[in-house]
Amino acid sequence: MARTLQPEELIDSAVVDPDGNKLGKVGNVYLADATHQPEWITVKTGLFGTKESFVPLTGAHTDRDGVHVQVDKDRVSDAPRIDADGHLSPEESTQLYQHYGLPVPRTSADGRMDRGTDRGADRGTERGTDRGRGAMGGKHDDRAMTRSEERLNVGTEQVETGHVRLRKYVVTEEQQVTVPVRHEEVRIEREPITRADGGRAEIGEAEQDVVLHAEKPVVRKETVPVERARLRKETVSDEQTVSGKVRKEQFEVTDDDRKNRRS
């Protein structure tokens, strides 16, 4: 390498293979136990960067477009799946070196290879311990992001809408009724008298009195029941449309090319 690669410079850098294929971004930097120089990087791959693959830094160099490594995309894709949890065991280190065709170096006394510091941590941070984790690289975990949204919960409640009263009151109206009536009248009946029927007649005054009668309408009032009324409640069902504004969260994923995808 033209110059020594610094762990803080590598974190979150793009990783490019010899053919110019972009492999992903640097997640963690692992240091060689003997020299404490960057030896391995983990590359975040997949649509959401949920996978991390180990890539050797042997022969790698940095440029404006990222870290250029000497292994191709297919070799990285087929690399052993090892959790980037802070340390490499001897067995894990051997698997990686053999996969990439590299000589297996001597490990530390406890058989582990140390992981380098993350960008933003102190240069004096103890390496190989949990104190060196967190600021930029961080170890991979299975934390998920929860998307929440508001929903309308529609119910009903009984409220008082008014009062209804039933009362009766008196009104006066004019009525006309036709009633048949009878009355008596006087009529003079005359009949001739023959000489045989007649007797002796005398001239003089006489009178006859007749009493006449007539019917006249007589109005009497009486009170009679004609109708009953009462108030009774009944339940009528209909439909009403309600509306309200609710909020919801959306996911937005930004890739290396600053293209946004929402879901």
C-alpha atoms as a PDB file:
ATOM      1  CA  MET A   1       0.000   0.000   0.000  1.00  0.00           C
ATOM      2  CA  ALA A   2       1.229   3.494  -0.806  1.00  0.00           C
ATOM      3  CA  ARG A   3       0.390   4.730   2.667  1.00  0.00           C
ATOM      4  CA  THR A   4      -1.022   3.306   5.866  1.00  0.00           C
ATOM      5  CA  LEU A   5      -4.811   3.170   5.892  1.00  0.00           C
ATOM      6  CA  GLN A   6      -6.367   4.732   8.966  1.00  0.00           C
ATOM      7  CA  PRO A   7      -9.486   3.092  10.455  1.00  0.00           C
ATOM      8  CA  GLU A   8     -11.292   6.400  10.909  1.00  0.00           C
ATOM      9  CA  GLU A   9     -10.808   7.144   7.211  1.00  0.00           C
ATOM     10  CA  LEU A  10     -12.303   3.846   6.131  1.00  0.00           C
ATOM     11  CA  ILE A  11     -15.573   3.815   8.067  1.00  0.00           C
ATOM     12  CA  ASP A  12     -18.599   4.405   5.776  1.00  0.00           C
ATOM     13  CA  SER A  13     -16.404   4.625   2.664  1.00  0.00           C
ATOM     14  CA  ALA A  14     -17.578   2.956  -0.536  1.00  0.00           C
ATOM     15  CA  VAL A  15     -15.824  -0.324  -1.411  1.00  0.00           C
ATOM     16  CA  VAL A  16     -14.950  -0.963  -5.089  1.00  0.00           C
ATOM     17  CA  ASP A  17     -13.639  -4.209  -6.627  1.00  0.00           C
ATOM     18  CA  PRO A  18     -10.972  -4.384  -9.400  1.00  0.00           C
ATOM     19  CA  ASP A  19     -13.680  -4.281 -12.109  1.00  0.00           C
ATOM     20  CA  GLY A  20     -15.146  -1.053 -10.734  1.00  0.00           C
ATOM     21  CA  ASN A  21     -18.174  -2.716  -9.132  1.00  0.00           C
ATOM     22  CA  LYS A  22     -19.385  -1.030  -5.981  1.00  0.00           C
ATOM     23  CA  LEU A  23     -19.642  -3.672  -3.239  1.00  0.00           C
ATOM     24  CA  GLY A  24     -21.181  -1.574  -0.476  1.00  0.00           C
ATOM     25  CA  LYS A  25     -20.002   0.574   2.429  1.00  0.00           C
ATOM     26  CA  VAL A  26     -17.415  -0.101   5.114  1.00  0.00           C
ATOM     27  CA  GLY A  27     -19.066  -1.132   8.355  1.00  0.00           C
ATOM     28  CA  ASN A  28     -16.154  -2.074  10.647  1.00  0.00           C
ATOM     29  CA  VAL A  29     -12.364  -2.138  10.440  1.00  0.00           C
ATOM     30  CA  TYR A  30     -10.382  -5.044  11.928  1.00  0.00           C
ATOM     31  CA  LEU A  31      -6.732  -4.642  12.884  1.00  0.00           C
ATOM     32  CA  ALA A  32      -3.947  -7.193  12.596  1.00  0.00           C
ATOM     33  CA  ASP A  33      -2.986  -8.406  16.040  1.00  0.00           C
ATOM     34  CA  ALA A  34       0.725  -8.085  15.421  1.00  0.00           C
ATOM     35  CA  THR A  35       0.876  -4.667  13.746  1.00  0.00           C
ATOM     36  CA  HIS A  36      -2.432  -3.111  14.820  1.00  0.00           C
ATOM     37  CA  GLN A  37      -2.848  -1.987  11.238  1.00  0.00           C
ATOM     38  CA  PRO A  38      -6.100  -2.396   9.255  1.00  0.00           C
ATOM     39  CA  GLU A  39      -6.261  -5.960   7.957  1.00  0.00           C
ATOM     40  CA  TRP A  40      -9.976  -6.581   7.269  1.00  0.00           C
ATOM     41  CA  ILE A  41     -13.053  -4.518   6.649  1.00  0.00           C
ATOM     42  CA  THR A  42     -16.681  -5.541   6.750  1.00  0.00           C
ATOM     43  CA  VAL A  43     -18.792  -4.435   3.810  1.00  0.00           C
ATOM     44  CA  LYS A  44     -22.486  -3.714   4.261  1.00  0.00           C
ATOM     45  CA  THR A  45     -24.325  -5.383   1.400  1.00  0.00           C
ATOM     46  CA  GLY A  46     -27.951  -5.981   0.482  1.00  0.00           C
ATOM     47  CA  LEU A  47     -30.758  -3.497  -0.248  1.00  0.00           C
ATOM     48  CA  PHE A  48     -30.859  -2.128   3.293  1.00  0.00           C
ATOM     49  CA  GLY A  49     -27.241  -2.884   4.221  1.00  0.00           C
ATOM     50  CA  THR A  50     -28.323  -5.681   6.556  1.00  0.00           C
ATOM     51  CA  LYS A  51     -25.532  -8.096   5.601  1.00  0.00           C
ATOM     52  CA  GLU A  52     -21.845  -7.679   6.347  1.00  0.00           C
ATOM     53  CA  SER A  53     -19.124  -9.558   4.512  1.00  0.00           C
ATOM     54  CA  PHE A  54     -15.438  -9.596   5.456  1.00  0.00           C
ATOM     55  CA  VAL A  55     -13.062  -8.263   2.781  1.00  0.00           C
ATOM     56  CA  PRO A  56      -9.227  -8.292   3.045  1.00  0.00           C
ATOM     57  CA  LEU A  57      -7.296  -5.025   2.748  1.00  0.00           C
ATOM     58  CA  THR A  58      -4.243  -6.701   1.255  1.00  0.00           C
ATOM     59  CA  GLY A  59      -3.212  -4.582  -1.753  1.00  0.00           C
ATOM     60  CA  ALA A  60      -6.053  -2.127  -1.178  1.00  0.00           C
ATOM     61  CA  HIS A  61      -5.810   1.624  -1.641  1.00  0.00           C
ATOM     62  CA  THR A  62      -8.105   4.589  -1.157  1.00  0.00           C
ATOM     63  CA  ASP A  63      -9.265   7.013  -3.792  1.00  0.00           C
ATOM     64  CA  ARG A  64     -11.848   9.766  -4.034  1.00  0.00           C
ATOM     65  CA  ASP A  65     -14.521   7.228  -4.937  1.00  0.00           C
ATOM     66  CA  GLY A  66     -13.747   4.893  -2.024  1.00  0.00           C
ATOM     67  CA  VAL A  67     -11.604   1.932  -1.014  1.00  0.00           C
ATOM     68  CA  HIS A  68     -10.320  -0.186  -3.917  1.00  0.00           C
ATOM     69  CA  VAL A  69      -9.778  -3.808  -2.887  1.00  0.00           C
ATOM     70  CA  GLN A  70      -8.114  -6.634  -4.805  1.00  0.00           C
ATOM     71  CA  VAL A  71     -10.945  -9.180  -4.615  1.00  0.00           C
ATOM     72  CA  ASP A  72     -13.924  -9.247  -6.962  1.00  0.00           C
ATOM     73  CA  LYS A  73     -17.611  -9.011  -6.179  1.00  0.00           C
ATOM     74  CA  ASP A  74     -18.290 -12.755  -6.629  1.00  0.00           C
ATOM     75  CA  ARG A  75     -15.549 -13.704  -4.156  1.00  0.00           C
ATOM     76  CA  VAL A  76     -16.996 -11.310  -1.582  1.00  0.00           C
ATOM     77  CA  SER A  77     -20.510 -12.653  -2.138  1.00  0.00           C
ATOM     78  CA  ASP A  78     -19.313 -16.229  -1.491  1.00  0.00           C
ATOM     79  CA  ALA A  79     -17.321 -15.302   1.629  1.00  0.00           C
ATOM     80  CA  PRO A  80     -18.133 -17.181   4.864  1.00  0.00           C
ATOM     81  CA  ARG A  81     -20.894 -15.547   6.855  1.00  0.00           C
ATOM     82  CA  ILE A  82     -19.344 -14.373  10.120  1.00  0.00           C
ATOM     83  CA  ASP A  83     -20.990 -12.048  12.625  1.00  0.00           C
ATOM     84  CA  ALA A  84     -19.133  -8.761  12.984  1.00  0.00           C
ATOM     85  CA  ASP A  85     -19.377  -8.836  16.767  1.00  0.00           C
ATOM     86  CA  GLY A  86     -16.040  -7.265  17.641  1.00  0.00           C
ATOM     87  CA  HIS A  87     -13.553 -10.177  17.473  1.00  0.00           C
ATOM     88  CA  LEU A  88     -12.544 -12.909  15.074  1.00  0.00           C
ATOM     89  CA  SER A  89     -11.876 -16.332  16.511  1.00  0.00           C
ATOM     90  CA  PRO A  90      -8.937 -18.382  15.174  1.00  0.00           C
ATOM     91  CA  GLU A  91     -11.352 -20.639  13.316  1.00  0.00           C
ATOM     92  CA  GLU A  92     -13.132 -17.666  11.713  1.00  0.00           C
ATOM     93  CA  SER A  93      -9.845 -16.052  10.707  1.00  0.00           C
ATOM     94  CA  THR A  94      -8.633 -19.287   9.122  1.00  0.00           C
ATOM     95  CA  GLN A  95     -11.880 -19.622   7.123  1.00  0.00           C
ATOM     96  CA  LEU A  96     -11.516 -16.113   5.714  1.00  0.00           C
ATOM     97  CA  TYR A  97      -7.826 -16.421   4.817  1.00  0.00           C
ATOM     98  CA  GLN A  98      -8.415 -19.733   3.101  1.00  0.00           C
ATOM     99  CA  HIS A  99     -11.417 -18.398   1.200  1.00  0.00           C
ATOM    100  CA  TYR A 100      -9.432 -15.479  -0.206  1.00  0.00           C
ATOM    101  CA  GLY A 101      -6.236 -17.559  -0.737  1.00  0.00           C
ATOM    102  CA  LEU A 102      -4.187 -15.553   1.751  1.00  0.00           C
ATOM    103  CA  PRO A 103      -1.527 -16.877   4.175  1.00  0.00           C
ATOM    104  CA  VAL A 104      -2.781 -17.299   7.723  1.00  0.00           C
ATOM    105  CA  PRO A 105      -0.910 -14.836  10.019  1.00  0.00           C
ATOM    106  CA  ARG A 106       0.023 -15.357  13.634  1.00  0.00           C
ATOM    107  CA  THR A 107      -2.747 -14.361  16.037  1.00  0.00           C
ATOM    108  CA  SER A 108      -2.544 -12.861  19.491  1.00  0.00           C
ATOM    109  CA  ALA A 109      -1.948 -14.855  22.614  1.00  0.00           C
ATOM    110  CA  ASP A 110      -5.663 -15.294  23.233  1.00  0.00           C
ATOM    111  CA  GLY A 111      -6.234 -16.388  19.640  1.00  0.00           C
ATOM    112  CA  ARG A 112      -8.249 -13.322  18.653  1.00  0.00           C
ATOM    113  CA  MET A 113      -7.865 -10.603  16.025  1.00  0.00           C
ATOM    114  CA  ASP A 114      -8.742  -7.136  17.276  1.00  0.00           C
ATOM    115  CA  ARG A 115     -11.228  -4.795  15.653  1.00  0.00           C
ATOM    116  CA  GLY A 116     -10.101  -1.191  15.060  1.00  0.00           C
ATOM    117  CA  THR A 117     -11.588   1.986  16.433  1.00  0.00           C
ATOM    118  CA  ASP A 118     -14.579   3.669  14.836  1.00  0.00           C
ATOM    119  CA  ARG A 119     -14.488   7.150  13.404  1.00  0.00           C
ATOM    120  CA  GLY A 120     -15.191   9.736  16.045  1.00  0.00           C
ATOM    121  CA  ALA A 121     -13.621   7.732  18.902  1.00  0.00           C
ATOM    122  CA  ASP A 122     -10.403   8.821  20.598  1.00  0.00           C
ATOM    123  CA  ARG A 123      -7.218   7.640  18.953  1.00  0.00           C
ATOM    124  CA  GLY A 124      -6.108   6.425  22.345  1.00  0.00           C
ATOM    125  CA  THR A 125      -9.140   4.193  22.840  1.00  0.00           C
ATOM    126  CA  GLU A 126      -8.267   0.689  23.938  1.00  0.00           C
ATOM    127  CA  ARG A 127      -8.514  -1.602  20.916  1.00  0.00           C
ATOM    128  CA  GLY A 128     -10.007  -5.036  20.985  1.00  0.00           C
ATOM    129  CA  THR A 129     -12.426  -4.208  23.784  1.00  0.00           C
ATOM    130  CA  ASP A 130     -15.986  -2.985  23.890  1.00  0.00           C
ATOM    131  CA  ARG A 131     -14.728   0.536  24.600  1.00  0.00           C
ATOM    132  CA  GLY A 132     -13.739   0.863  20.965  1.00  0.00           C
ATOM    133  CA  ARG A 133     -17.243   0.212  19.656  1.00  0.00           C
ATOM    134  CA  GLY A 134     -20.067   2.412  18.682  1.00  0.00           C
ATOM    135  CA  ALA A 135     -19.487   5.869  17.264  1.00  0.00           C
ATOM    136  CA  MET A 136     -19.579   5.237  13.496  1.00  0.00           C
ATOM    137  CA  GLY A 137     -18.939   1.587  12.645  1.00  0.00           C
ATOM    138  CA  GLY A 138     -20.936  -0.089  15.393  1.00  0.00           C
ATOM    139  CA  LYS A 139     -21.555  -3.791  15.508  1.00  0.00           C
ATOM    140  CA  HIS A 140     -24.325  -5.322  13.488  1.00  0.00           C
ATOM    141  CA  ASP A 141     -27.492  -6.047  15.382  1.00  0.00           C
ATOM    142  CA  ASP A 142     -31.029  -7.054  14.583  1.00  0.00           C
ATOM    143  CA  ARG A 143     -32.729  -3.872  15.757  1.00  0.00           C
ATOM    144  CA  ALA A 144     -35.779  -3.035  13.671  1.00  0.00           C
ATOM    145  CA  MET A 145     -37.508   0.252  13.038  1.00  0.00           C
ATOM    146  CA  THR A 146     -41.192   0.313  13.856  1.00  0.00           C
ATOM    147  CA  ARG A 147     -43.556   2.283  11.642  1.00  0.00           C
ATOM    148  CA  SER A 148     -46.646   3.597  13.384  1.00  0.00           C
ATOM    149  CA  GLU A 149     -49.807   5.259  12.173  1.00  0.00           C
ATOM    150  CA  GLU A 150     -52.943   6.748  13.606  1.00  0.00           C
ATOM    151  CA  ARG A 151     -56.338   5.241  12.910  1.00  0.00           C
ATOM    152  CA  LEU A 152     -59.863   6.488  13.434  1.00  0.00           C
ATOM    153  CA  ASN A 153     -61.731   4.600  16.140  1.00  0.00           C
ATOM    154  CA  VAL A 154     -65.359   5.477  15.516  1.00  0.00           C
ATOM    155  CA  GLY A 155     -68.068   4.703  18.042  1.00  0.00           C
ATOM    156  CA  THR A 156     -71.326   6.200  19.236  1.00  0.00           C
ATOM    157  CA  GLU A 157     -72.494   7.883  22.399  1.00  0.00           C
ATOM    158  CA  GLN A 158     -75.972   8.907  23.504  1.00  0.00           C
ATOM    159  CA  VAL A 159     -76.578  12.626  23.816  1.00  0.00           C
ATOM    160  CA  GLU A 160     -79.686  14.670  24.623  1.00  0.00           C
ATOM    161  CA  THR A 161     -81.085  16.322  21.506  1.00  0.00           C
ATOM    162  CA  GLY A 162     -84.246  18.011  22.832  1.00  0.00           C
ATOM    163  CA  HIS A 163     -87.570  17.747  24.660  1.00  0.00           C
ATOM    164  CA  VAL A 164     -90.997  16.907  23.192  1.00  0.00           C
ATOM    165  CA  ARG A 165     -94.219  17.832  25.049  1.00  0.00           C
ATOM    166  CA  LEU A 166     -97.808  16.817  24.368  1.00  0.00           C
ATOM    167  CA  ARG A 167    -100.539  19.133  25.657  1.00  0.00           C
ATOM    168  CA  LYS A 168    -104.169  19.933  24.800  1.00  0.00           C
ATOM    169  CA  TYR A 169    -105.780  23.321  24.549  1.00  0.00           C
ATOM    170  CA  VAL A 170    -109.280  24.708  23.731  1.00  0.00           C
ATOM    171  CA  VAL A 171    -110.218  26.423  20.493  1.00  0.00           C
ATOM    172  CA  THR A 172    -113.639  27.793  19.498  1.00  0.00           C
ATOM    173  CA  GLU A 173    -115.009  27.206  16.041  1.00  0.00           C
ATOM    174  CA  GLU A 174    -118.345  27.842  14.305  1.00  0.00           C
ATOM    175  CA  GLN A 175    -120.420  24.862  13.242  1.00  0.00           C
ATOM    176  CA  GLN A 176    -123.558  24.853  11.100  1.00  0.00           C
ATOM    177  CA  VAL A 177    -126.005  21.960  11.257  1.00  0.00           C
ATOM    178  CA  THR A 178    -129.197  21.689   9.155  1.00  0.00           C
ATOM    179  CA  VAL A 179    -132.178  20.377  11.181  1.00  0.00           C
ATOM    180  CA  PRO A 180    -135.560  19.502   9.615  1.00  0.00           C
ATOM    181  CA  VAL A 181    -138.486  21.211  11.460  1.00  0.00           C
ATOM    182  CA  ARG A 182    -142.258  21.105  11.038  1.00  0.00           C
ATOM    183  CA  HIS A 183    -144.993  23.673  11.613  1.00  0.00           C
ATOM    184  CA  GLU A 184    -148.768  23.850  11.297  1.00  0.00           C
ATOM    185  CA  GLU A 185    -150.692  26.067   8.930  1.00  0.00           C
ATOM    186  CA  VAL A 186    -154.463  26.873   8.597  1.00  0.00           C
ATOM    187  CA  ARG A 187    -156.339  26.050   5.476  1.00  0.00           C
ATOM    188  CA  ILE A 188    -160.085  26.746   4.906  1.00  0.00           C
ATOM    189  CA  GLU A 189    -161.997  23.848   3.558  1.00  0.00           C
ATOM    190  CA  ARG A 190    -165.317  24.596   1.880  1.00  0.00           C
ATOM    191  CA  GLU A 191    -168.038  22.215   0.834  1.00  0.00           C
ATOM    192  CA  PRO A 192    -171.423  23.006  -0.730  1.00  0.00           C
ATOM    193  CA  ILE A 193    -174.695  22.361   1.160  1.00  0.00           C
ATOM    194  CA  THR A 194    -177.657  21.027  -0.696  1.00  0.00           C
ATOM    195  CA  ARG A 195    -181.250  21.908   0.068  1.00  0.00           C
ATOM    196  CA  ALA A 196    -181.799  18.392   1.283  1.00  0.00           C
ATOM    197  CA  ASP A 197    -178.892  18.638   3.715  1.00  0.00           C
ATOM    198  CA  GLY A 198    -179.600  22.152   4.753  1.00  0.00           C
ATOM    199  CA  GLY A 199    -181.760  23.174   7.672  1.00  0.00           C
ATOM    200  CA  ARG A 200    -182.805  26.442   8.841  1.00  0.00           C
ATOM    201  CA  ALA A 201    -180.205  29.114   8.607  1.00  0.00           C
ATOM    202  CA  GLU A 202    -179.816  32.371  10.423  1.00  0.00           C
ATOM    203  CA  ILE A 203    -177.765  35.379   9.687  1.00  0.00           C
ATOM    204  CA  GLY A 204    -175.330  36.351  12.409  1.00  0.00           C
ATOM    205  CA  GLU A 205    -171.685  36.449  13.573  1.00  0.00           C
ATOM    206  CA  ALA A 206    -169.648  33.480  14.706  1.00  0.00           C
ATOM    207  CA  GLU A 207    -165.981  32.619  15.166  1.00  0.00           C
ATOM    208  CA  GLN A 208    -163.762  29.536  15.490  1.00  0.00           C
ATOM    209  CA  ASP A 209    -160.332  29.402  17.170  1.00  0.00           C
ATOM    210  CA  VAL A 210    -157.578  26.965  16.090  1.00  0.00           C
ATOM    211  CA  VAL A 211    -154.209  26.611  17.839  1.00  0.00           C
ATOM    212  CA  LEU A 212    -151.172  26.266  15.495  1.00  0.00           C
ATOM    213  CA  HIS A 213    -147.907  24.480  16.439  1.00  0.00           C
ATOM    214  CA  ALA A 214    -144.417  24.620  15.007  1.00  0.00           C
ATOM    215  CA  GLU A 215    -141.066  22.907  15.719  1.00  0.00           C
ATOM    216  CA  LYS A 216    -137.993  24.982  16.343  1.00  0.00           C
ATOM    217  CA  PRO A 217    -134.313  23.895  16.631  1.00  0.00           C
ATOM    218  CA  VAL A 218    -133.024  23.499  20.125  1.00  0.00           C
ATOM    219  CA  VAL A 219    -129.212  23.512  20.644  1.00  0.00           C
ATOM    220  CA  ARG A 220    -127.750  21.620  23.552  1.00  0.00           C
ATOM    221  CA  LYS A 221    -124.050  20.913  23.998  1.00  0.00           C
ATOM    222  CA  GLU A 222    -122.499  17.799  25.425  1.00  0.00           C
ATOM    223  CA  THR A 223    -118.894  16.711  25.855  1.00  0.00           C
ATOM    224  CA  VAL A 224    -117.920  13.383  24.348  1.00  0.00           C
ATOM    225  CA  PRO A 225    -114.491  11.680  24.050  1.00  0.00           C
ATOM    226  CA  VAL A 226    -113.287  11.447  20.459  1.00  0.00           C
ATOM    227  CA  GLU A 227    -109.566  10.505  20.522  1.00  0.00           C
ATOM    228  CA  ARG A 228    -106.647   9.507  22.728  1.00  0.00           C
ATOM    229  CA  ALA A 229    -103.004  10.541  22.170  1.00  0.00           C
ATOM    230  CA  ARG A 230     -99.767   9.707  23.977  1.00  0.00           C
ATOM    231  CA  LEU A 231     -96.022  10.209  23.434  1.00  0.00           C
ATOM    232  CA  ARG A 232     -93.994   7.114  22.711  1.00  0.00           C
ATOM    233  CA  LYS A 233     -90.277   6.946  21.814  1.00  0.00           C
ATOM    234  CA  GLU A 234     -88.939   4.718  19.057  1.00  0.00           C
ATOM    235  CA  THR A 235     -85.398   4.153  17.764  1.00  0.00           C
ATOM    236  CA  VAL A 236     -84.693   4.893  14.115  1.00  0.00           C
ATOM    237  CA  SER A 237     -81.383   3.829  12.514  1.00  0.00           C
ATOM    238  CA  ASP A 238     -79.628   5.788   9.792  1.00  0.00           C
ATOM    239  CA  GLU A 239     -76.024   6.351   8.639  1.00  0.00           C
ATOM    240  CA  GLN A 240     -73.725   9.316   9.050  1.00  0.00           C
ATOM    241  CA  THR A 241     -70.281   9.818   7.525  1.00  0.00           C
ATOM    242  CA  VAL A 242     -67.535  11.081   9.830  1.00  0.00           C
ATOM    243  CA  SER A 243     -64.056  12.212   8.836  1.00  0.00           C
ATOM    244  CA  GLY A 244     -60.850  13.115  10.627  1.00  0.00           C
ATOM    245  CA  LYS A 245     -57.191  13.685   9.932  1.00  0.00           C
ATOM    246  CA  VAL A 246     -54.740  10.977  10.983  1.00  0.00           C
ATOM    247  CA  ARG A 247     -50.967  10.845  10.870  1.00  0.00           C
ATOM    248  CA  LYS A 248     -48.808   7.929   9.783  1.00  0.00           C
ATOM    249  CA  GLU A 249     -45.113   7.273   9.383  1.00  0.00           C
ATOM    250  CA  GLN A 250     -43.410   6.232   6.172  1.00  0.00           C
ATOM    251  CA  PHE A 251     -40.085   4.526   5.547  1.00  0.00           C
ATOM    252  CA  GLU A 252     -37.508   6.241   3.376  1.00  0.00           C
ATOM    253  CA  VAL A 253     -34.379   4.437   2.215  1.00  0.00           C
ATOM    254  CA  THR A 254     -31.471   6.407   0.768  1.00  0.00           C
ATOM    255  CA  ASP A 255     -28.875   4.452  -1.211  1.00  0.00           C
ATOM    256  CA  ASP A 256     -25.276   5.346  -2.054  1.00  0.00           C
ATOM    257  CA  ASP A 257     -26.381   7.367  -5.091  1.00  0.00           C
ATOM    258  CA  ARG A 258     -28.654   9.529  -2.891  1.00  0.00           C
ATOM    259  CA  LYS A 259     -31.754   8.088  -4.524  1.00  0.00           C
ATOM    260  CA  ASN A 260     -34.731   7.899  -2.217  1.00  0.00           C
ATOM    261  CA  ARG A 261     -37.200   5.065  -2.124  1.00  0.00           C
ATOM    262  CA  ARG A 262     -40.271   5.336   0.047  1.00  0.00           C
ATOM    263  CA  SER A 263     -42.524   2.611   1.341  1.00  0.00           C
END
